[in-house]
Amino acid sequence: MAQDVFREDSRVGTLADIVVNLGPSGRGHQDHVTAVVELRISGLAGYLSHSDLMRVAQRVCVRSGVDLVYSQGFNPHPRLSMPLPKSVGLVSDGDIVVLRVQRTGSPDQAQAVADALRSQWPEGIELQRVFLLDSGYTLYPYQADFEMTLPDQAVLEAAHAEAEQFMSQTHLIIERNNWKKKYKTKQLDIRSYITAIMKTHGGIVVTCQIRDDGAIRVDEMLGVLGLAPENLGGPIQRKRLHWRLN
């Protein structure tokens, strides 16, 4: 995934942190503003694919009556994206939909967008907050926590021991299947993606970097901890997302 060259003044942090006292970018469209819609995805909605979620988001935004900005051409569609795809089966707290809307100039525009969108989402998808940014800014995923519930104490202790051994290493090369090239694999230093593994009262939290060359997969994360899906007490939850604002 190609990304812009990061500026020296790029901000990194949670969404709420990086938009505090954020001024104009100097590069945005004077009539447009970027609305960042923060969502919680739970229950059966966690089994929606990324393309399914994109279709849901597009329908919700059109149905809400928000004054969207559309692409140009023969088949106009709303300027909308979800910059951090979610694996099927994950639930999440903090996923975002980024859409371009017409600027109204009202200090209450973020609340007006939130009010219009809030009741439109299907069961399992809940709007948390809406932030407005100058349209010249771009958000890139930077880091996320993956929380796993492990009800069996023996399994939890074994996973924690595997985690300690893993974190003591500086490199760990694995073979990853490359689905874009049939029957091909590539080598990946999985250690470089994981910054921390923490044991909690009832599970494990893995903190992972998200880079322009991709991110760790759920099955690879489980493999690091010596876990199988049947060891889990419920869906893995992706939370505490950090972003880079450029």
C-alpha atoms as a PDB file:
ATOM      1  CA  MET A   1       0.000   0.000   0.000  1.00  0.00           C
ATOM      2  CA  ALA A   2       1.647   3.190  -1.157  1.00  0.00           C
ATOM      3  CA  GLN A   3       1.702   6.029   1.317  1.00  0.00           C
ATOM      4  CA  ASP A   4       2.713   9.661   1.187  1.00  0.00           C
ATOM      5  CA  VAL A   5       6.125  10.622   2.532  1.00  0.00           C
ATOM      6  CA  PHE A   6       5.558  11.475   6.189  1.00  0.00           C
ATOM      7  CA  ARG A   7       6.063  15.102   7.115  1.00  0.00           C
ATOM      8  CA  GLU A   8       8.324  16.095   9.990  1.00  0.00           C
ATOM      9  CA  ASP A   9       5.315  17.477  11.855  1.00  0.00           C
ATOM     10  CA  SER A  10       3.275  14.256  11.497  1.00  0.00           C
ATOM     11  CA  ARG A  11       1.305  13.439  14.647  1.00  0.00           C
ATOM     12  CA  VAL A  12       1.054   9.903  16.078  1.00  0.00           C
ATOM     13  CA  GLY A  13      -1.465   8.849  18.706  1.00  0.00           C
ATOM     14  CA  THR A  14      -5.080   7.967  19.311  1.00  0.00           C
ATOM     15  CA  LEU A  15      -7.596   9.748  17.145  1.00  0.00           C
ATOM     16  CA  ALA A  16      -8.709  11.994  20.007  1.00  0.00           C
ATOM     17  CA  ASP A  17      -5.103  12.928  20.822  1.00  0.00           C
ATOM     18  CA  ILE A  18      -3.936  13.879  17.348  1.00  0.00           C
ATOM     19  CA  VAL A  19      -6.868  16.151  16.471  1.00  0.00           C
ATOM     20  CA  VAL A  20      -6.457  18.335  19.574  1.00  0.00           C
ATOM     21  CA  ASN A  21      -5.647  21.934  18.564  1.00  0.00           C
ATOM     22  CA  LEU A  22      -5.189  20.824  14.965  1.00  0.00           C
ATOM     23  CA  GLY A  23      -5.030  23.777  12.611  1.00  0.00           C
ATOM     24  CA  PRO A  24      -5.576  23.966   8.841  1.00  0.00           C
ATOM     25  CA  SER A  25      -3.227  21.880   6.706  1.00  0.00           C
ATOM     26  CA  GLY A  26      -2.805  24.541   4.044  1.00  0.00           C
ATOM     27  CA  ARG A  27      -3.506  21.861   1.417  1.00  0.00           C
ATOM     28  CA  GLY A  28      -7.244  21.245   1.809  1.00  0.00           C
ATOM     29  CA  HIS A  29     -10.216  22.092  -0.396  1.00  0.00           C
ATOM     30  CA  GLN A  30     -11.923  25.249   0.852  1.00  0.00           C
ATOM     31  CA  ASP A  31     -15.439  23.818   0.351  1.00  0.00           C
ATOM     32  CA  HIS A  32     -14.822  20.285   1.694  1.00  0.00           C
ATOM     33  CA  VAL A  33     -14.003  18.827   5.087  1.00  0.00           C
ATOM     34  CA  THR A  34     -13.038  15.288   6.130  1.00  0.00           C
ATOM     35  CA  ALA A  35     -15.373  13.563   8.605  1.00  0.00           C
ATOM     36  CA  VAL A  36     -13.760  10.727  10.586  1.00  0.00           C
ATOM     37  CA  VAL A  37     -16.452   8.418  11.961  1.00  0.00           C
ATOM     38  CA  GLU A  38     -15.277   6.206  14.831  1.00  0.00           C
ATOM     39  CA  LEU A  39     -17.127   2.877  15.205  1.00  0.00           C
ATOM     40  CA  ARG A  40     -17.446  -0.084  17.569  1.00  0.00           C
ATOM     41  CA  ILE A  41     -18.037  -3.395  15.755  1.00  0.00           C
ATOM     42  CA  SER A  42     -19.316  -6.307  17.822  1.00  0.00           C
ATOM     43  CA  GLY A  43     -21.322  -9.536  17.697  1.00  0.00           C
ATOM     44  CA  LEU A  44     -22.179 -11.003  14.309  1.00  0.00           C
ATOM     45  CA  ALA A  45     -21.065  -7.782  12.579  1.00  0.00           C
ATOM     46  CA  GLY A  46     -17.517  -8.951  13.293  1.00  0.00           C
ATOM     47  CA  TYR A  47     -17.985 -11.592  10.592  1.00  0.00           C
ATOM     48  CA  LEU A  48     -18.524  -8.999   7.876  1.00  0.00           C
ATOM     49  CA  SER A  49     -15.634  -8.746   5.440  1.00  0.00           C
ATOM     50  CA  HIS A  50     -13.928  -5.471   4.637  1.00  0.00           C
ATOM     51  CA  SER A  51     -15.811  -5.177   1.346  1.00  0.00           C
ATOM     52  CA  ASP A  52     -19.101  -5.874   3.164  1.00  0.00           C
ATOM     53  CA  LEU A  53     -18.337  -3.126   5.702  1.00  0.00           C
ATOM     54  CA  MET A  54     -17.491  -0.696   2.917  1.00  0.00           C
ATOM     55  CA  ARG A  55     -20.855  -1.365   1.259  1.00  0.00           C
ATOM     56  CA  VAL A  56     -22.661  -0.941   4.593  1.00  0.00           C
ATOM     57  CA  ALA A  57     -20.833   2.344   5.272  1.00  0.00           C
ATOM     58  CA  GLN A  58     -21.627   3.687   1.812  1.00  0.00           C
ATOM     59  CA  ARG A  59     -25.320   2.878   2.143  1.00  0.00           C
ATOM     60  CA  VAL A  60     -25.500   4.348   5.648  1.00  0.00           C
ATOM     61  CA  CYS A  61     -23.831   7.593   4.577  1.00  0.00           C
ATOM     62  CA  VAL A  62     -26.069   8.021   1.521  1.00  0.00           C
ATOM     63  CA  ARG A  63     -29.226   7.169   3.499  1.00  0.00           C
ATOM     64  CA  SER A  64     -28.338   9.592   6.312  1.00  0.00           C
ATOM     65  CA  GLY A  65     -28.772  12.670   4.145  1.00  0.00           C
ATOM     66  CA  VAL A  66     -25.298  14.020   4.990  1.00  0.00           C
ATOM     67  CA  ASP A  67     -24.097  16.343   2.207  1.00  0.00           C
ATOM     68  CA  LEU A  68     -21.402  14.045   0.782  1.00  0.00           C
ATOM     69  CA  VAL A  69     -18.718  14.866  -1.764  1.00  0.00           C
ATOM     70  CA  TYR A  70     -18.817  12.536  -4.771  1.00  0.00           C
ATOM     71  CA  SER A  71     -16.132  11.404  -7.178  1.00  0.00           C
ATOM     72  CA  GLN A  72     -16.134  12.763 -10.712  1.00  0.00           C
ATOM     73  CA  GLY A  73     -16.822  10.683 -13.819  1.00  0.00           C
ATOM     74  CA  PHE A  74     -19.488   8.450 -15.353  1.00  0.00           C
ATOM     75  CA  ASN A  75     -20.222   6.551 -12.115  1.00  0.00           C
ATOM     76  CA  PRO A  76     -19.978   9.007  -9.195  1.00  0.00           C
ATOM     77  CA  HIS A  77     -19.671   7.480  -5.736  1.00  0.00           C
ATOM     78  CA  PRO A  78     -19.144   8.980  -2.268  1.00  0.00           C
ATOM     79  CA  ARG A  79     -15.562   9.864  -1.351  1.00  0.00           C
ATOM     80  CA  LEU A  80     -15.298   7.285   1.423  1.00  0.00           C
ATOM     81  CA  SER A  81     -12.705   4.861   2.786  1.00  0.00           C
ATOM     82  CA  MET A  82     -11.897   2.572   5.729  1.00  0.00           C
ATOM     83  CA  PRO A  83      -8.102   2.878   6.043  1.00  0.00           C
ATOM     84  CA  LEU A  84      -7.581  -0.180   8.284  1.00  0.00           C
ATOM     85  CA  PRO A  85      -9.212  -3.368   6.909  1.00  0.00           C
ATOM     86  CA  LYS A  86     -10.528  -5.773   9.544  1.00  0.00           C
ATOM     87  CA  SER A  87     -10.048  -9.540   9.348  1.00  0.00           C
ATOM     88  CA  VAL A  88     -13.251 -11.586   9.245  1.00  0.00           C
ATOM     89  CA  GLY A  89     -14.183 -12.725  12.764  1.00  0.00           C
ATOM     90  CA  LEU A  90     -12.510  -9.847  14.615  1.00  0.00           C
ATOM     91  CA  VAL A  91     -14.551  -7.423  16.681  1.00  0.00           C
ATOM     92  CA  SER A  92     -13.151  -3.941  17.101  1.00  0.00           C
ATOM     93  CA  ASP A  93     -13.311  -0.741  19.076  1.00  0.00           C
ATOM     94  CA  GLY A  94     -12.123   2.315  17.185  1.00  0.00           C
ATOM     95  CA  ASP A  95     -12.365   1.389  13.501  1.00  0.00           C
ATOM     96  CA  ILE A  96     -12.949   4.457  11.374  1.00  0.00           C
ATOM     97  CA  VAL A  97     -14.804   5.460   8.236  1.00  0.00           C
ATOM     98  CA  VAL A  98     -13.331   8.513   6.516  1.00  0.00           C
ATOM     99  CA  LEU A  99     -15.663  10.491   4.280  1.00  0.00           C
ATOM    100  CA  ARG A 100     -15.504  13.801   2.506  1.00  0.00           C
ATOM    101  CA  VAL A 101     -18.442  16.151   3.140  1.00  0.00           C
ATOM    102  CA  GLN A 102     -19.355  19.667   2.129  1.00  0.00           C
ATOM    103  CA  ARG A 103     -18.143  22.295   4.582  1.00  0.00           C
ATOM    104  CA  THR A 104     -21.001  24.165   6.278  1.00  0.00           C
ATOM    105  CA  GLY A 105     -18.906  26.467   8.454  1.00  0.00           C
ATOM    106  CA  SER A 106     -21.026  25.596  11.487  1.00  0.00           C
ATOM    107  CA  PRO A 107     -19.155  24.894  14.756  1.00  0.00           C
ATOM    108  CA  ASP A 108     -21.677  22.074  15.326  1.00  0.00           C
ATOM    109  CA  GLN A 109     -21.073  20.298  12.014  1.00  0.00           C
ATOM    110  CA  ALA A 110     -19.364  17.275  13.628  1.00  0.00           C
ATOM    111  CA  GLN A 111     -22.348  16.768  15.954  1.00  0.00           C
ATOM    112  CA  ALA A 112     -24.782  17.225  13.063  1.00  0.00           C
ATOM    113  CA  VAL A 113     -22.979  14.510  11.044  1.00  0.00           C
ATOM    114  CA  ALA A 114     -22.962  12.204  14.083  1.00  0.00           C
ATOM    115  CA  ASP A 115     -26.692  12.743  14.702  1.00  0.00           C
ATOM    116  CA  ALA A 116     -27.514  12.023  11.051  1.00  0.00           C
ATOM    117  CA  LEU A 117     -25.469   8.808  10.942  1.00  0.00           C
ATOM    118  CA  ARG A 118     -26.051   7.368  14.419  1.00  0.00           C
ATOM    119  CA  SER A 119     -29.373   5.607  13.902  1.00  0.00           C
ATOM    120  CA  GLN A 120     -28.590   4.248  10.439  1.00  0.00           C
ATOM    121  CA  TRP A 121     -26.095   1.508  11.328  1.00  0.00           C
ATOM    122  CA  PRO A 122     -27.223  -2.134  11.515  1.00  0.00           C
ATOM    123  CA  GLU A 123     -27.089  -4.166  14.725  1.00  0.00           C
ATOM    124  CA  GLY A 124     -23.524  -4.736  15.919  1.00  0.00           C
ATOM    125  CA  ILE A 125     -22.126  -1.477  14.506  1.00  0.00           C
ATOM    126  CA  GLU A 126     -22.256   1.509  16.833  1.00  0.00           C
ATOM    127  CA  LEU A 127     -21.137   5.061  16.107  1.00  0.00           C
ATOM    128  CA  GLN A 128     -18.945   6.398  18.902  1.00  0.00           C
ATOM    129  CA  ARG A 129     -17.725   9.822  17.770  1.00  0.00           C
ATOM    130  CA  VAL A 130     -17.226  12.003  14.717  1.00  0.00           C
ATOM    131  CA  PHE A 131     -14.195  14.256  14.235  1.00  0.00           C
ATOM    132  CA  LEU A 132     -13.783  16.865  11.502  1.00  0.00           C
ATOM    133  CA  LEU A 133     -10.398  17.440   9.861  1.00  0.00           C
ATOM    134  CA  ASP A 134      -9.155  19.793   7.197  1.00  0.00           C
ATOM    135  CA  SER A 135      -9.438  17.868   3.914  1.00  0.00           C
ATOM    136  CA  GLY A 136      -5.692  18.232   3.327  1.00  0.00           C
ATOM    137  CA  TYR A 137      -4.872  15.765   6.124  1.00  0.00           C
ATOM    138  CA  THR A 138      -4.578  11.991   5.679  1.00  0.00           C
ATOM    139  CA  LEU A 139      -4.781   9.315   8.388  1.00  0.00           C
ATOM    140  CA  TYR A 140      -2.627   6.179   8.270  1.00  0.00           C
ATOM    141  CA  PRO A 141      -2.925   3.236  10.694  1.00  0.00           C
ATOM    142  CA  TYR A 142       0.097   3.003  12.969  1.00  0.00           C
ATOM    143  CA  GLN A 143      -0.516   0.595  15.866  1.00  0.00           C
ATOM    144  CA  ALA A 144      -3.255  -1.567  17.415  1.00  0.00           C
ATOM    145  CA  ASP A 145      -3.826  -3.838  20.400  1.00  0.00           C
ATOM    146  CA  PHE A 146      -5.317  -7.302  19.917  1.00  0.00           C
ATOM    147  CA  GLU A 147      -6.999  -8.626  23.052  1.00  0.00           C
ATOM    148  CA  MET A 148      -7.569 -12.382  23.426  1.00  0.00           C
ATOM    149  CA  THR A 149      -9.630 -14.005  26.170  1.00  0.00           C
ATOM    150  CA  LEU A 150      -8.200 -17.302  27.466  1.00  0.00           C
ATOM    151  CA  PRO A 151     -10.531 -18.901  30.035  1.00  0.00           C
ATOM    152  CA  ASP A 152      -8.254 -21.903  30.705  1.00  0.00           C
ATOM    153  CA  GLN A 153      -5.593 -20.788  33.214  1.00  0.00           C
ATOM    154  CA  ALA A 154      -3.111 -23.461  32.099  1.00  0.00           C
ATOM    155  CA  VAL A 155      -3.438 -22.319  28.485  1.00  0.00           C
ATOM    156  CA  LEU A 156      -2.978 -18.706  29.593  1.00  0.00           C
ATOM    157  CA  GLU A 157       0.220 -19.515  31.495  1.00  0.00           C
ATOM    158  CA  ALA A 158       1.606 -21.498  28.564  1.00  0.00           C
ATOM    159  CA  ALA A 159       0.812 -18.668  26.152  1.00  0.00           C
ATOM    160  CA  HIS A 160       2.508 -16.167  28.458  1.00  0.00           C
ATOM    161  CA  ALA A 161       5.640 -18.337  28.570  1.00  0.00           C
ATOM    162  CA  GLU A 162       5.666 -18.497  24.763  1.00  0.00           C
ATOM    163  CA  ALA A 163       5.250 -14.714  24.662  1.00  0.00           C
ATOM    164  CA  GLU A 164       8.206 -14.122  26.980  1.00  0.00           C
ATOM    165  CA  GLN A 165      10.416 -16.369  24.877  1.00  0.00           C
ATOM    166  CA  PHE A 166       9.274 -14.626  21.688  1.00  0.00           C
ATOM    167  CA  MET A 167       9.903 -11.119  23.048  1.00  0.00           C
ATOM    168  CA  SER A 168      13.438 -12.107  24.132  1.00  0.00           C
ATOM    169  CA  GLN A 169      14.385 -12.569  20.479  1.00  0.00           C
ATOM    170  CA  THR A 170      15.449  -9.808  18.145  1.00  0.00           C
ATOM    171  CA  HIS A 171      14.285 -11.570  14.961  1.00  0.00           C
ATOM    172  CA  LEU A 172      11.961 -14.425  14.074  1.00  0.00           C
ATOM    173  CA  ILE A 173      11.626 -15.296  10.405  1.00  0.00           C
ATOM    174  CA  ILE A 174       8.511 -17.149   9.249  1.00  0.00           C
ATOM    175  CA  GLU A 175       7.225 -18.302   5.865  1.00  0.00           C
ATOM    176  CA  ARG A 176       4.050 -16.465   4.836  1.00  0.00           C
ATOM    177  CA  ASN A 177       1.790 -17.687   2.048  1.00  0.00           C
ATOM    178  CA  ASN A 178       1.518 -15.090  -0.681  1.00  0.00           C
ATOM    179  CA  TRP A 179      -2.070 -15.448  -1.909  1.00  0.00           C
ATOM    180  CA  LYS A 180      -1.483 -13.041  -4.788  1.00  0.00           C
ATOM    181  CA  LYS A 181       1.063 -15.452  -6.240  1.00  0.00           C
ATOM    182  CA  LYS A 182      -0.321 -18.977  -6.151  1.00  0.00           C
ATOM    183  CA  TYR A 183       1.847 -21.538  -4.356  1.00  0.00           C
ATOM    184  CA  LYS A 184       4.408 -18.859  -3.469  1.00  0.00           C
ATOM    185  CA  THR A 185       5.671 -17.965   0.005  1.00  0.00           C
ATOM    186  CA  LYS A 186       7.771 -15.118   1.303  1.00  0.00           C
ATOM    187  CA  GLN A 187       9.945 -14.708   4.364  1.00  0.00           C
ATOM    188  CA  LEU A 188       8.810 -12.277   7.038  1.00  0.00           C
ATOM    189  CA  ASP A 189      10.454 -11.094  10.261  1.00  0.00           C
ATOM    190  CA  ILE A 190       7.372 -11.339  12.457  1.00  0.00           C
ATOM    191  CA  ARG A 191       9.254 -10.058  15.520  1.00  0.00           C
ATOM    192  CA  SER A 192       9.596  -6.593  13.987  1.00  0.00           C
ATOM    193  CA  TYR A 193       5.800  -6.155  13.916  1.00  0.00           C
ATOM    194  CA  ILE A 194       5.112  -6.935  17.583  1.00  0.00           C
ATOM    195  CA  THR A 195       6.124  -4.259  20.091  1.00  0.00           C
ATOM    196  CA  ALA A 196       4.643  -5.736  23.297  1.00  0.00           C
ATOM    197  CA  ILE A 197       2.762  -8.741  24.671  1.00  0.00           C
ATOM    198  CA  MET A 198       1.034  -8.321  28.022  1.00  0.00           C
ATOM    199  CA  LYS A 199      -0.696 -10.872  30.232  1.00  0.00           C
ATOM    200  CA  THR A 200      -3.997  -9.704  31.730  1.00  0.00           C
ATOM    201  CA  HIS A 201      -6.255 -11.276  34.346  1.00  0.00           C
ATOM    202  CA  GLY A 202      -8.076 -13.369  31.759  1.00  0.00           C
ATOM    203  CA  GLY A 203      -6.041 -13.265  28.587  1.00  0.00           C
ATOM    204  CA  ILE A 204      -3.275 -11.792  26.458  1.00  0.00           C
ATOM    205  CA  VAL A 205      -2.943  -8.401  24.739  1.00  0.00           C
ATOM    206  CA  VAL A 206      -0.617  -8.172  21.725  1.00  0.00           C
ATOM    207  CA  THR A 207       0.474  -4.701  20.546  1.00  0.00           C
ATOM    208  CA  CYS A 208       1.327  -4.652  16.857  1.00  0.00           C
ATOM    209  CA  GLN A 209       2.755  -2.054  14.513  1.00  0.00           C
ATOM    210  CA  ILE A 210       0.974  -1.447  11.223  1.00  0.00           C
ATOM    211  CA  ARG A 211       3.362  -0.405   8.481  1.00  0.00           C
ATOM    212  CA  ASP A 212       3.155   0.521   4.835  1.00  0.00           C
ATOM    213  CA  ASP A 213       4.247  -3.028   3.949  1.00  0.00           C
ATOM    214  CA  GLY A 214       1.366  -4.571   5.914  1.00  0.00           C
ATOM    215  CA  ALA A 215       0.683  -6.021   9.345  1.00  0.00           C
ATOM    216  CA  ILE A 216       0.743  -9.306  11.208  1.00  0.00           C
ATOM    217  CA  ARG A 217      -2.085 -11.754  10.520  1.00  0.00           C
ATOM    218  CA  VAL A 218      -4.293 -13.231  13.225  1.00  0.00           C
ATOM    219  CA  ASP A 219      -3.150 -16.811  12.544  1.00  0.00           C
ATOM    220  CA  GLU A 220       0.487 -15.683  12.817  1.00  0.00           C
ATOM    221  CA  MET A 221      -0.277 -13.964  16.125  1.00  0.00           C
ATOM    222  CA  LEU A 222      -1.843 -17.138  17.489  1.00  0.00           C
ATOM    223  CA  GLY A 223       1.145 -19.138  16.293  1.00  0.00           C
ATOM    224  CA  VAL A 224       3.538 -16.899  18.236  1.00  0.00           C
ATOM    225  CA  LEU A 225       1.604 -17.710  21.423  1.00  0.00           C
ATOM    226  CA  GLY A 226       1.188 -21.411  20.685  1.00  0.00           C
ATOM    227  CA  LEU A 227      -2.589 -20.997  20.538  1.00  0.00           C
ATOM    228  CA  ALA A 228      -5.347 -22.463  18.397  1.00  0.00           C
ATOM    229  CA  PRO A 229      -8.748 -20.813  17.748  1.00  0.00           C
ATOM    230  CA  GLU A 230     -10.451 -23.307  20.062  1.00  0.00           C
ATOM    231  CA  ASN A 231      -8.358 -22.002  22.997  1.00  0.00           C
ATOM    232  CA  LEU A 232     -10.058 -18.611  22.788  1.00  0.00           C
ATOM    233  CA  GLY A 233     -13.007 -17.661  24.971  1.00  0.00           C
ATOM    234  CA  GLY A 234     -14.504 -15.423  22.280  1.00  0.00           C
ATOM    235  CA  PRO A 235     -13.598 -13.275  19.280  1.00  0.00           C
ATOM    236  CA  ILE A 236     -10.299 -11.397  19.290  1.00  0.00           C
ATOM    237  CA  GLN A 237     -10.887  -7.680  19.823  1.00  0.00           C
ATOM    238  CA  ARG A 238      -8.846  -5.024  18.029  1.00  0.00           C
ATOM    239  CA  LYS A 239      -8.711  -1.859  20.136  1.00  0.00           C
ATOM    240  CA  ARG A 240      -6.621   1.155  21.215  1.00  0.00           C
ATOM    241  CA  LEU A 241      -5.829   2.082  17.629  1.00  0.00           C
ATOM    242  CA  HIS A 242      -3.114   4.642  17.007  1.00  0.00           C
ATOM    243  CA  TRP A 243      -2.899   6.681  13.825  1.00  0.00           C
ATOM    244  CA  ARG A 244      -0.366   8.811  12.003  1.00  0.00           C
ATOM    245  CA  LEU A 245      -1.741  12.085  10.714  1.00  0.00           C
ATOM    246  CA  ASN A 246       0.084  13.500   7.724  1.00  0.00           C
END
